């Protein structure tokens, strides 16, 4: 291809003389593919946000449970140490009965 022919092709492209040689069906398929991609990106963004929110909620729930556990421990310590942890009167009575048997 000569230099002059290349220049002519470039001028035609710039001027808009070159026509789109795709059929209507090809154009519609391309538009459908673009729409599917756009729909997928919308779904993907929504899914990322849903997962981020679930992760945040899980972290907050974990923090609340840890705080409640610490507060229960503090309340038990403030009520007074009664010796064994988690043993109440029933534990003492049972232990006494077991020793007699």
PDB file of N, CA and C in Angstrom:
ATOM      1  N   UNK A   1       0.861  -1.165   0.000  1.00  0.00           N
ATOM      2  CA  UNK A   1       0.000   0.000   0.000  1.00  0.00           C
ATOM      3  C   UNK A   1       0.907   1.227   0.000  1.00  0.00           C
ATOM      4  N   UNK A   2       0.583   2.177  -0.838  1.00  0.00           N
ATOM      5  CA  UNK A   2       1.420   3.371  -0.977  1.00  0.00           C
ATOM      6  C   UNK A   2       1.112   4.387   0.117  1.00  0.00           C
ATOM      7  N   UNK A   3       2.000   5.299   0.261  1.00  0.00           N
ATOM      8  CA  UNK A   3       1.840   6.359   1.248  1.00  0.00           C
ATOM      9  C   UNK A   3       0.603   7.190   0.957  1.00  0.00           C
ATOM     10  N   UNK A   4       0.339   7.452  -0.298  1.00  0.00           N
ATOM     11  CA  UNK A   4      -0.820   8.247  -0.707  1.00  0.00           C
ATOM     12  C   UNK A   4      -2.119   7.501  -0.351  1.00  0.00           C
ATOM     13  N   UNK A   5      -2.150   6.183  -0.533  1.00  0.00           N
ATOM     14  CA  UNK A   5      -3.335   5.399  -0.212  1.00  0.00           C
ATOM     15  C   UNK A   5      -3.607   5.405   1.291  1.00  0.00           C
ATOM     16  N   UNK A   6      -2.554   5.321   2.064  1.00  0.00           N
ATOM     17  CA  UNK A   6      -2.700   5.367   3.528  1.00  0.00           C
ATOM     18  C   UNK A   6      -3.260   6.716   3.954  1.00  0.00           C
ATOM     19  N   UNK A   7      -2.742   7.786   3.372  1.00  0.00           N
ATOM     20  CA  UNK A   7      -3.257   9.119   3.696  1.00  0.00           C
ATOM     21  C   UNK A   7      -4.735   9.252   3.317  1.00  0.00           C
ATOM     22  N   UNK A   8      -5.094   8.693   2.170  1.00  0.00           N
ATOM     23  CA  UNK A   8      -6.486   8.756   1.741  1.00  0.00           C
ATOM     24  C   UNK A   8      -7.401   8.013   2.714  1.00  0.00           C
ATOM     25  N   UNK A   9      -6.973   6.827   3.181  1.00  0.00           N
ATOM     26  CA  UNK A   9      -7.758   6.069   4.158  1.00  0.00           C
ATOM     27  C   UNK A   9      -7.928   6.849   5.461  1.00  0.00           C
ATOM     28  N   UNK A  10      -6.864   7.486   5.871  1.00  0.00           N
ATOM     29  CA  UNK A  10      -6.943   8.278   7.097  1.00  0.00           C
ATOM     30  C   UNK A  10      -7.910   9.452   6.944  1.00  0.00           C
ATOM     31  N   UNK A  11      -7.865  10.104   5.825  1.00  0.00           N
ATOM     32  CA  UNK A  11      -8.782  11.217   5.579  1.00  0.00           C
ATOM     33  C   UNK A  11     -10.230  10.742   5.559  1.00  0.00           C
ATOM     34  N   UNK A  12     -10.478   9.596   4.981  1.00  0.00           N
ATOM     35  CA  UNK A  12     -11.838   9.055   4.939  1.00  0.00           C
ATOM     36  C   UNK A  12     -12.337   8.713   6.346  1.00  0.00           C
ATOM     37  N   UNK A  13     -11.466   8.167   7.151  1.00  0.00           N
ATOM     38  CA  UNK A  13     -11.856   7.834   8.517  1.00  0.00           C
ATOM     39  C   UNK A  13     -12.168   9.093   9.313  1.00  0.00           C
ATOM     40  N   UNK A  14     -11.363  10.110   9.135  1.00  0.00           N
ATOM     41  CA  UNK A  14     -11.574  11.364   9.858  1.00  0.00           C
ATOM     42  C   UNK A  14     -12.879  12.028   9.393  1.00  0.00           C
ATOM     43  N   UNK A  15     -13.122  12.000   8.115  1.00  0.00           N
ATOM     44  CA  UNK A  15     -14.303  12.658   7.553  1.00  0.00           C
ATOM     45  C   UNK A  15     -15.577  11.864   7.795  1.00  0.00           C
ATOM     46  N   UNK A  16     -15.452  10.628   8.207  1.00  0.00           N
ATOM     47  CA  UNK A  16     -16.629   9.817   8.486  1.00  0.00           C
ATOM     48  C   UNK A  16     -17.161   9.126   7.250  1.00  0.00           C
ATOM     49  N   UNK A  17     -16.327   8.982   6.223  1.00  0.00           N
ATOM     50  CA  UNK A  17     -16.755   8.331   4.994  1.00  0.00           C
ATOM     51  C   UNK A  17     -16.815   6.816   5.131  1.00  0.00           C
ATOM     52  N   UNK A  18     -16.089   6.285   6.076  1.00  0.00           N
ATOM     53  CA  UNK A  18     -16.121   4.827   6.223  1.00  0.00           C
ATOM     54  C   UNK A  18     -17.414   4.435   6.920  1.00  0.00           C
ATOM     55  N   UNK A  19     -18.114   3.475   6.379  1.00  0.00           N
ATOM     56  CA  UNK A  19     -19.404   3.050   6.912  1.00  0.00           C
ATOM     57  C   UNK A  19     -19.230   1.843   7.818  1.00  0.00           C
ATOM     58  N   UNK A  20     -20.136   1.750   8.784  1.00  0.00           N
ATOM     59  CA  UNK A  20     -20.143   0.602   9.683  1.00  0.00           C
ATOM     60  C   UNK A  20     -20.694  -0.583   8.910  1.00  0.00           C
ATOM     61  N   UNK A  21     -19.936  -1.641   8.826  1.00  0.00           N
ATOM     62  CA  UNK A  21     -20.333  -2.782   8.014  1.00  0.00           C
ATOM     63  C   UNK A  21     -20.970  -3.888   8.847  1.00  0.00           C
ATOM     64  N   UNK A  22     -21.348  -3.573  10.080  1.00  0.00           N
ATOM     65  CA  UNK A  22     -22.001  -4.570  10.912  1.00  0.00           C
ATOM     66  C   UNK A  22     -23.480  -4.629  10.569  1.00  0.00           C
ATOM     67  N   UNK A  23     -24.037  -5.805  10.703  1.00  0.00           N
ATOM     68  CA  UNK A  23     -25.475  -5.948  10.467  1.00  0.00           C
ATOM     69  C   UNK A  23     -26.232  -5.493  11.712  1.00  0.00           C
ATOM     70  N   UNK A  24     -27.526  -5.321  11.545  1.00  0.00           N
ATOM     71  CA  UNK A  24     -28.369  -4.917  12.668  1.00  0.00           C
ATOM     72  C   UNK A  24     -28.299  -5.954  13.784  1.00  0.00           C
ATOM     73  N   UNK A  25     -28.291  -7.217  13.416  1.00  0.00           N
ATOM     74  CA  UNK A  25     -28.212  -8.288  14.402  1.00  0.00           C
ATOM     75  C   UNK A  25     -26.905  -8.209  15.198  1.00  0.00           C
ATOM     76  N   UNK A  26     -25.802  -7.932  14.521  1.00  0.00           N
ATOM     77  CA  UNK A  26     -24.510  -7.819  15.213  1.00  0.00           C
ATOM     78  C   UNK A  26     -24.515  -6.638  16.176  1.00  0.00           C
ATOM     79  N   UNK A  27     -25.094  -5.530  15.748  1.00  0.00           N
ATOM     80  CA  UNK A  27     -25.177  -4.352  16.615  1.00  0.00           C
ATOM     81  C   UNK A  27     -26.047  -4.653  17.844  1.00  0.00           C
ATOM     82  N   UNK A  28     -27.179  -5.330  17.619  1.00  0.00           N
ATOM     83  CA  UNK A  28     -28.052  -5.674  18.736  1.00  0.00           C
ATOM     84  C   UNK A  28     -27.367  -6.635  19.705  1.00  0.00           C
ATOM     85  N   UNK A  29     -26.626  -7.597  19.188  1.00  0.00           N
ATOM     86  CA  UNK A  29     -25.905  -8.533  20.056  1.00  0.00           C
ATOM     87  C   UNK A  29     -24.848  -7.810  20.876  1.00  0.00           C
ATOM     88  N   UNK A  30     -24.170  -6.860  20.233  1.00  0.00           N
ATOM     89  CA  UNK A  30     -23.157  -6.087  20.960  1.00  0.00           C
ATOM     90  C   UNK A  30     -23.809  -5.244  22.057  1.00  0.00           C
ATOM     91  N   UNK A  31     -24.931  -4.618  21.753  1.00  0.00           N
ATOM     92  CA  UNK A  31     -25.637  -3.823  22.758  1.00  0.00           C
ATOM     93  C   UNK A  31     -26.149  -4.703  23.900  1.00  0.00           C
ATOM     94  N   UNK A  32     -26.628  -5.900  23.564  1.00  0.00           N
ATOM     95  CA  UNK A  32     -27.088  -6.833  24.596  1.00  0.00           C
ATOM     96  C   UNK A  32     -25.933  -7.236  25.510  1.00  0.00           C
ATOM     97  N   UNK A  33     -24.782  -7.518  24.907  1.00  0.00           N
ATOM     98  CA  UNK A  33     -23.607  -7.891  25.705  1.00  0.00           C
ATOM     99  C   UNK A  33     -23.190  -6.740  26.619  1.00  0.00           C
ATOM    100  N   UNK A  34     -23.235  -5.508  26.111  1.00  0.00           N
ATOM    101  CA  UNK A  34     -22.891  -4.349  26.935  1.00  0.00           C
ATOM    102  C   UNK A  34     -23.886  -4.180  28.083  1.00  0.00           C
ATOM    103  N   UNK A  35     -25.172  -4.407  27.803  1.00  0.00           N
ATOM    104  CA  UNK A  35     -26.186  -4.288  28.850  1.00  0.00           C
ATOM    105  C   UNK A  35     -26.003  -5.364  29.916  1.00  0.00           C
ATOM    106  N   UNK A  36     -25.687  -6.604  29.480  1.00  0.00           N
ATOM    107  CA  UNK A  36     -25.441  -7.684  30.434  1.00  0.00           C
ATOM    108  C   UNK A  36     -24.238  -7.361  31.317  1.00  0.00           C
ATOM    109  N   UNK A  37     -23.213  -6.781  30.717  1.00  0.00           N
ATOM    110  CA  UNK A  37     -22.032  -6.406  31.502  1.00  0.00           C
ATOM    111  C   UNK A  37     -22.383  -5.322  32.518  1.00  0.00           C
ATOM    112  N   UNK A  38     -23.177  -4.334  32.091  1.00  0.00           N
ATOM    113  CA  UNK A  38     -23.585  -3.266  33.008  1.00  0.00           C
ATOM    114  C   UNK A  38     -24.435  -3.834  34.144  1.00  0.00           C
ATOM    115  N   UNK A  39     -25.358  -4.740  33.813  1.00  0.00           N
ATOM    116  CA  UNK A  39     -26.190  -5.371  34.844  1.00  0.00           C
ATOM    117  C   UNK A  39     -25.335  -6.155  35.834  1.00  0.00           C
ATOM    118  N   UNK A  40     -24.341  -6.877  35.301  1.00  0.00           N
ATOM    119  CA  UNK A  40     -23.450  -7.653  36.160  1.00  0.00           C
ATOM    120  C   UNK A  40     -22.686  -6.737  37.105  1.00  0.00           C
ATOM    121  N   UNK A  41     -22.180  -5.619  36.598  1.00  0.00           N
ATOM    122  CA  UNK A  41     -21.430  -4.693  37.451  1.00  0.00           C
ATOM    123  C   UNK A  41     -22.309  -4.099  38.544  1.00  0.00           C
ATOM    124  N   UNK A  42     -23.581  -3.829  38.234  1.00  0.00           N
ATOM    125  CA  UNK A  42     -24.514  -3.335  39.251  1.00  0.00           C
ATOM    126  C   UNK A  42     -24.708  -4.413  40.321  1.00  0.00           C
ATOM    127  N   UNK A  43     -24.920  -5.658  39.879  1.00  0.00           N
ATOM    128  CA  UNK A  43     -25.095  -6.760  40.825  1.00  0.00           C
ATOM    129  C   UNK A  43     -23.845  -6.927  41.684  1.00  0.00           C
ATOM    130  N   UNK A  44     -22.679  -6.889  41.044  1.00  0.00           N
ATOM    131  CA  UNK A  44     -21.409  -7.084  41.749  1.00  0.00           C
ATOM    132  C   UNK A  44     -21.229  -6.021  42.829  1.00  0.00           C
ATOM    133  N   UNK A  45     -21.521  -4.784  42.500  1.00  0.00           N
ATOM    134  CA  UNK A  45     -21.383  -3.691  43.465  1.00  0.00           C
ATOM    135  C   UNK A  45     -22.337  -3.895  44.644  1.00  0.00           C
ATOM    136  N   UNK A  46     -23.570  -4.276  44.342  1.00  0.00           N
ATOM    137  CA  UNK A  46     -24.546  -4.521  45.411  1.00  0.00           C
ATOM    138  C   UNK A  46     -24.112  -5.699  46.283  1.00  0.00           C
ATOM    139  N   UNK A  47     -23.579  -6.737  45.670  1.00  0.00           N
ATOM    140  CA  UNK A  47     -23.126  -7.915  46.418  1.00  0.00           C
ATOM    141  C   UNK A  47     -21.944  -7.567  47.326  1.00  0.00           C
ATOM    142  N   UNK A  48     -21.008  -6.763  46.815  1.00  0.00           N
ATOM    143  CA  UNK A  48     -19.880  -6.321  47.644  1.00  0.00           C
ATOM    144  C   UNK A  48     -20.374  -5.545  48.862  1.00  0.00           C
ATOM    145  N   UNK A  49     -21.348  -4.666  48.646  1.00  0.00           N
ATOM    146  CA  UNK A  49     -21.895  -3.864  49.748  1.00  0.00           C
ATOM    147  C   UNK A  49     -22.602  -4.754  50.763  1.00  0.00           C
ATOM    148  N   UNK A  50     -23.370  -5.743  50.286  1.00  0.00           N
ATOM    149  CA  UNK A  50     -24.065  -6.663  51.187  1.00  0.00           C
ATOM    150  C   UNK A  50     -23.063  -7.430  52.050  1.00  0.00           C
ATOM    151  N   UNK A  51     -22.008  -7.911  51.440  1.00  0.00           N
ATOM    152  CA  UNK A  51     -21.000  -8.673  52.180  1.00  0.00           C
ATOM    153  C   UNK A  51     -20.282  -7.771  53.184  1.00  0.00           C
ATOM    154  N   UNK A  52     -19.992  -6.525  52.777  1.00  0.00           N
ATOM    155  CA  UNK A  52     -19.327  -5.587  53.698  1.00  0.00           C
ATOM    156  C   UNK A  52     -20.218  -5.331  54.910  1.00  0.00           C
ATOM    157  N   UNK A  53     -21.517  -5.142  54.678  1.00  0.00           N
ATOM    158  CA  UNK A  53     -22.445  -4.898  55.791  1.00  0.00           C
ATOM    159  C   UNK A  53     -22.545  -6.117  56.701  1.00  0.00           C
ATOM    160  N   UNK A  54     -22.612  -7.315  56.113  1.00  0.00           N
ATOM    161  CA  UNK A  54     -22.670  -8.540  56.932  1.00  0.00           C
ATOM    162  C   UNK A  54     -21.416  -8.670  57.786  1.00  0.00           C
ATOM    163  N   UNK A  55     -20.275  -8.362  57.204  1.00  0.00           N
ATOM    164  CA  UNK A  55     -19.006  -8.440  57.937  1.00  0.00           C
ATOM    165  C   UNK A  55     -19.000  -7.437  59.081  1.00  0.00           C
ATOM    166  N   UNK A  56     -19.472  -6.212  58.810  1.00  0.00           N
ATOM    167  CA  UNK A  56     -19.530  -5.192  59.858  1.00  0.00           C
ATOM    168  C   UNK A  56     -20.467  -5.610  60.982  1.00  0.00           C
ATOM    169  N   UNK A  57     -21.627  -6.151  60.625  1.00  0.00           N
ATOM    170  CA  UNK A  57     -22.598  -6.582  61.639  1.00  0.00           C
ATOM    171  C   UNK A  57     -22.018  -7.711  62.488  1.00  0.00           C
ATOM    172  N   UNK A  58     -21.354  -8.655  61.847  1.00  0.00           N
ATOM    173  CA  UNK A  58     -20.745  -9.772  62.570  1.00  0.00           C
ATOM    174  C   UNK A  58     -19.683  -9.260  63.545  1.00  0.00           C
ATOM    175  N   UNK A  59     -18.882  -8.298  63.105  1.00  0.00           N
ATOM    176  CA  UNK A  59     -17.844  -7.740  63.977  1.00  0.00           C
ATOM    177  C   UNK A  59     -18.471  -7.022  65.170  1.00  0.00           C
ATOM    178  N   UNK A  60     -19.537  -6.279  64.937  1.00  0.00           N
ATOM    179  CA  UNK A  60     -20.203  -5.563  66.029  1.00  0.00           C
ATOM    180  C   UNK A  60     -20.817  -6.563  67.008  1.00  0.00           C
ATOM    181  N   UNK A  61     -21.466  -7.608  66.490  1.00  0.00           N
ATOM    182  CA  UNK A  61     -22.053  -8.616  67.368  1.00  0.00           C
ATOM    183  C   UNK A  61     -20.974  -9.288  68.215  1.00  0.00           C
ATOM    184  N   UNK A  62     -19.836  -9.605  67.622  1.00  0.00           N
ATOM    185  CA  UNK A  62     -18.740 -10.223  68.353  1.00  0.00           C
ATOM    186  C   UNK A  62     -18.251  -9.282  69.458  1.00  0.00           C
ATOM    187  N   UNK A  63     -18.106  -8.000  69.134  1.00  0.00           N
ATOM    188  CA  UNK A  63     -17.649  -7.029  70.123  1.00  0.00           C
ATOM    189  C   UNK A  63     -18.638  -6.906  71.276  1.00  0.00           C
ATOM    190  N   UNK A  64     -19.937  -6.919  70.961  1.00  0.00           N
ATOM    191  CA  UNK A  64     -20.970  -6.820  72.007  1.00  0.00           C
ATOM    192  C   UNK A  64     -20.903  -8.036  72.909  1.00  0.00           C
ATOM    193  N   UNK A  65     -20.768  -9.236  72.332  1.00  0.00           N
ATOM    194  CA  UNK A  65     -20.683 -10.451  73.158  1.00  0.00           C
ATOM    195  C   UNK A  65     -19.450 -10.403  74.061  1.00  0.00           C
ATOM    196  N   UNK A  66     -18.325  -9.952  73.535  1.00  0.00           N
ATOM    197  CA  UNK A  66     -17.113  -9.872  74.354  1.00  0.00           C
ATOM    198  C   UNK A  66     -17.304  -8.871  75.489  1.00  0.00           C
ATOM    199  N   UNK A  67     -17.952  -7.750  75.199  1.00  0.00           N
ATOM    200  CA  UNK A  67     -18.186  -6.742  76.224  1.00  0.00           C
ATOM    201  C   UNK A  67     -19.121  -7.288  77.305  1.00  0.00           C
ATOM    202  N   UNK A  68     -20.177  -8.002  76.890  1.00  0.00           N
ATOM    203  CA  UNK A  68     -21.110  -8.580  77.853  1.00  0.00           C
ATOM    204  C   UNK A  68     -20.400  -9.602  78.731  1.00  0.00           C
ATOM    205  N   UNK A  69     -19.529 -10.407  78.154  1.00  0.00           N
ATOM    206  CA  UNK A  69     -18.788 -11.403  78.928  1.00  0.00           C
ATOM    207  C   UNK A  69     -17.893 -10.722  79.958  1.00  0.00           C
ATOM    208  N   UNK A  70     -17.215  -9.653  79.540  1.00  0.00           N
ATOM    209  CA  UNK A  70     -16.356  -8.921  80.489  1.00  0.00           C
ATOM    210  C   UNK A  70     -17.184  -8.302  81.613  1.00  0.00           C
ATOM    211  N   UNK A  71     -18.360  -7.738  81.250  1.00  0.00           N
ATOM    212  CA  UNK A  71     -19.212  -7.112  82.268  1.00  0.00           C
ATOM    213  C   UNK A  71     -19.739  -8.145  83.257  1.00  0.00           C
ATOM    214  N   UNK A  72     -20.084  -9.336  82.789  1.00  0.00           N
ATOM    215  CA  UNK A  72     -20.542 -10.404  83.697  1.00  0.00           C
ATOM    216  C   UNK A  72     -19.420 -10.783  84.671  1.00  0.00           C
ATOM    217  N   UNK A  73     -18.204 -10.844  84.151  1.00  0.00           N
ATOM    218  CA  UNK A  73     -17.064 -11.173  85.006  1.00  0.00           C
ATOM    219  C   UNK A  73     -16.838 -10.106  86.068  1.00  0.00           C
ATOM    220  N   UNK A  74     -16.987  -8.845  85.689  1.00  0.00           N
ATOM    221  CA  UNK A  74     -16.817  -7.752  86.647  1.00  0.00           C
ATOM    222  C   UNK A  74     -17.911  -7.785  87.717  1.00  0.00           C
ATOM    223  N   UNK A  75     -19.162  -8.061  87.303  1.00  0.00           N
ATOM    224  CA  UNK A  75     -20.265  -8.118  88.262  1.00  0.00           C
ATOM    225  C   UNK A  75     -20.055  -9.254  89.252  1.00  0.00           C
ATOM    226  N   UNK A  76     -19.556 -10.372  88.773  1.00  0.00           N
ATOM    227  CA  UNK A  76     -19.310 -11.504  89.661  1.00  0.00           C
ATOM    228  C   UNK A  76     -18.214 -11.149  90.662  1.00  0.00           C
ATOM    229  N   UNK A  77     -17.189 -10.444  90.206  1.00  0.00           N
ATOM    230  CA  UNK A  77     -16.115 -10.038  91.103  1.00  0.00           C
ATOM    231  C   UNK A  77     -16.614  -9.003  92.118  1.00  0.00           C
ATOM    232  N   UNK A  78     -17.498  -8.111  91.697  1.00  0.00           N
ATOM    233  CA  UNK A  78     -18.020  -7.094  92.600  1.00  0.00           C
ATOM    234  C   UNK A  78     -18.964  -7.705  93.637  1.00  0.00           C
ATOM    235  N   UNK A  79     -19.651  -8.769  93.283  1.00  0.00           N
ATOM    236  CA  UNK A  79     -20.568  -9.425  94.226  1.00  0.00           C
ATOM    237  C   UNK A  79     -19.782 -10.130  95.320  1.00  0.00           C
ATOM    238  N   UNK A  80     -18.522 -10.326  95.103  1.00  0.00           N
ATOM    239  CA  UNK A  80     -17.692 -10.973  96.116  1.00  0.00           C
ATOM    240  C   UNK A  80     -17.270 -12.347  95.648  1.00  0.00           C
ATOM    241  N   UNK A  81     -16.059 -12.655  95.911  1.00  0.00           N
ATOM    242  CA  UNK A  81     -15.573 -13.987  95.552  1.00  0.00           C
ATOM    243  C   UNK A  81     -16.037 -14.957  96.606  1.00  0.00           C
ATOM    244  N   UNK A  82     -16.745 -15.969  96.198  1.00  0.00           N
ATOM    245  CA  UNK A  82     -17.283 -16.948  97.127  1.00  0.00           C
ATOM    246  C   UNK A  82     -16.472 -18.230  97.074  1.00  0.00           C
ATOM    247  N   UNK A  83     -15.290 -18.135  96.691  1.00  0.00           N
ATOM    248  CA  UNK A  83     -14.511 -19.366  96.595  1.00  0.00           C
ATOM    249  C   UNK A  83     -14.463 -19.827  95.164  1.00  0.00           C
ATOM    250  N   UNK A  84     -15.051 -20.967  94.886  1.00  0.00           N
ATOM    251  CA  UNK A  84     -15.031 -21.537  93.538  1.00  0.00           C
ATOM    252  C   UNK A  84     -15.885 -20.732  92.595  1.00  0.00           C
ATOM    253  N   UNK A  85     -15.414 -20.606  91.430  1.00  0.00           N
ATOM    254  CA  UNK A  85     -16.156 -19.836  90.433  1.00  0.00           C
ATOM    255  C   UNK A  85     -17.326 -20.673  89.925  1.00  0.00           C
ATOM    256  N   UNK A  86     -18.505 -20.078  89.886  1.00  0.00           N
ATOM    257  CA  UNK A  86     -19.662 -20.764  89.362  1.00  0.00           C
ATOM    258  C   UNK A  86     -20.340 -21.691  90.368  1.00  0.00           C
ATOM    259  N   UNK A  87     -19.809 -21.824  91.565  1.00  0.00           N
ATOM    260  CA  UNK A  87     -20.462 -22.683  92.572  1.00  0.00           C
ATOM    261  C   UNK A  87     -21.321 -21.841  93.468  1.00  0.00           C
ATOM    262  N   UNK A  88     -22.509 -22.256  93.610  1.00  0.00           N
ATOM    263  CA  UNK A  88     -23.417 -21.582  94.530  1.00  0.00           C
ATOM    264  C   UNK A  88     -23.659 -22.489  95.715  1.00  0.00           C
ATOM    265  N   UNK A  89     -24.775 -22.269  96.362  1.00  0.00           N
ATOM    266  CA  UNK A  89     -25.139 -23.068  97.528  1.00  0.00           C
ATOM    267  C   UNK A  89     -25.346 -24.521  97.136  1.00  0.00           C
ATOM    268  N   UNK A  90     -26.024 -24.764  96.023  1.00  0.00           N
ATOM    269  CA  UNK A  90     -26.289 -26.133  95.598  1.00  0.00           C
ATOM    270  C   UNK A  90     -24.999 -26.908  95.407  1.00  0.00           C
ATOM    271  N   UNK A  91     -23.992 -26.262  94.854  1.00  0.00           N
ATOM    272  CA  UNK A  91     -22.715 -26.944  94.640  1.00  0.00           C
ATOM    273  C   UNK A  91     -22.104 -27.364  95.964  1.00  0.00           C
ATOM    274  N   UNK A  92     -22.227 -26.525  96.974  1.00  0.00           N
ATOM    275  CA  UNK A  92     -21.680 -26.859  98.275  1.00  0.00           C
ATOM    276  C   UNK A  92     -22.453 -28.000  98.908  1.00  0.00           C
ATOM    277  N   UNK A  93     -23.762 -27.976  98.783  1.00  0.00           N
ATOM    278  CA  UNK A  93     -24.587 -29.026  99.366  1.00  0.00           C
ATOM    279  C   UNK A  93     -24.289 -30.361  98.701  1.00  0.00           C
ATOM    280  N   UNK A  94     -24.242 -30.359  97.398  1.00  0.00           N
ATOM    281  CA  UNK A  94     -23.960 -31.616  96.695  1.00  0.00           C
ATOM    282  C   UNK A  94     -22.589 -32.157  97.088  1.00  0.00           C
ATOM    283  N   UNK A  95     -21.636 -31.306  97.176  1.00  0.00           N
ATOM    284  CA  UNK A  95     -20.305 -31.749  97.530  1.00  0.00           C
ATOM    285  C   UNK A  95     -20.329 -32.360  98.934  1.00  0.00           C
ATOM    286  N   UNK A  96     -21.071 -31.740  99.824  1.00  0.00           N
ATOM    287  CA  UNK A  96     -21.177 -32.265 101.183  1.00  0.00           C
ATOM    288  C   UNK A  96     -21.829 -33.638 101.200  1.00  0.00           C
ATOM    289  N   UNK A  97     -22.860 -33.819 100.400  1.00  0.00           N
ATOM    290  CA  UNK A  97     -23.558 -35.108 100.338  1.00  0.00           C
ATOM    291  C   UNK A  97     -22.654 -36.170  99.723  1.00  0.00           C
ATOM    292  N   UNK A  98     -21.893 -35.784  98.730  1.00  0.00           N
ATOM    293  CA  UNK A  98     -21.024 -36.751  98.081  1.00  0.00           C
ATOM    294  C   UNK A  98     -19.938 -37.240  99.053  1.00  0.00           C
ATOM    295  N   UNK A  99     -19.492 -36.338  99.916  1.00  0.00           N
ATOM    296  CA  UNK A  99     -18.450 -36.728 100.841  1.00  0.00           C
ATOM    297  C   UNK A  99     -18.978 -37.725 101.872  1.00  0.00           C
ATOM    298  N   UNK A 100     -20.246 -37.617 102.244  1.00  0.00           N
ATOM    299  CA  UNK A 100     -20.830 -38.496 103.246  1.00  0.00           C
ATOM    300  C   UNK A 100     -21.002 -39.886 102.672  1.00  0.00           C
ATOM    301  N   UNK A 101     -21.373 -39.972 101.433  1.00  0.00           N
ATOM    302  CA  UNK A 101     -21.659 -41.282 100.835  1.00  0.00           C
ATOM    303  C   UNK A 101     -20.496 -42.156 100.788  1.00  0.00           C
TER     304      UNK A 101
END
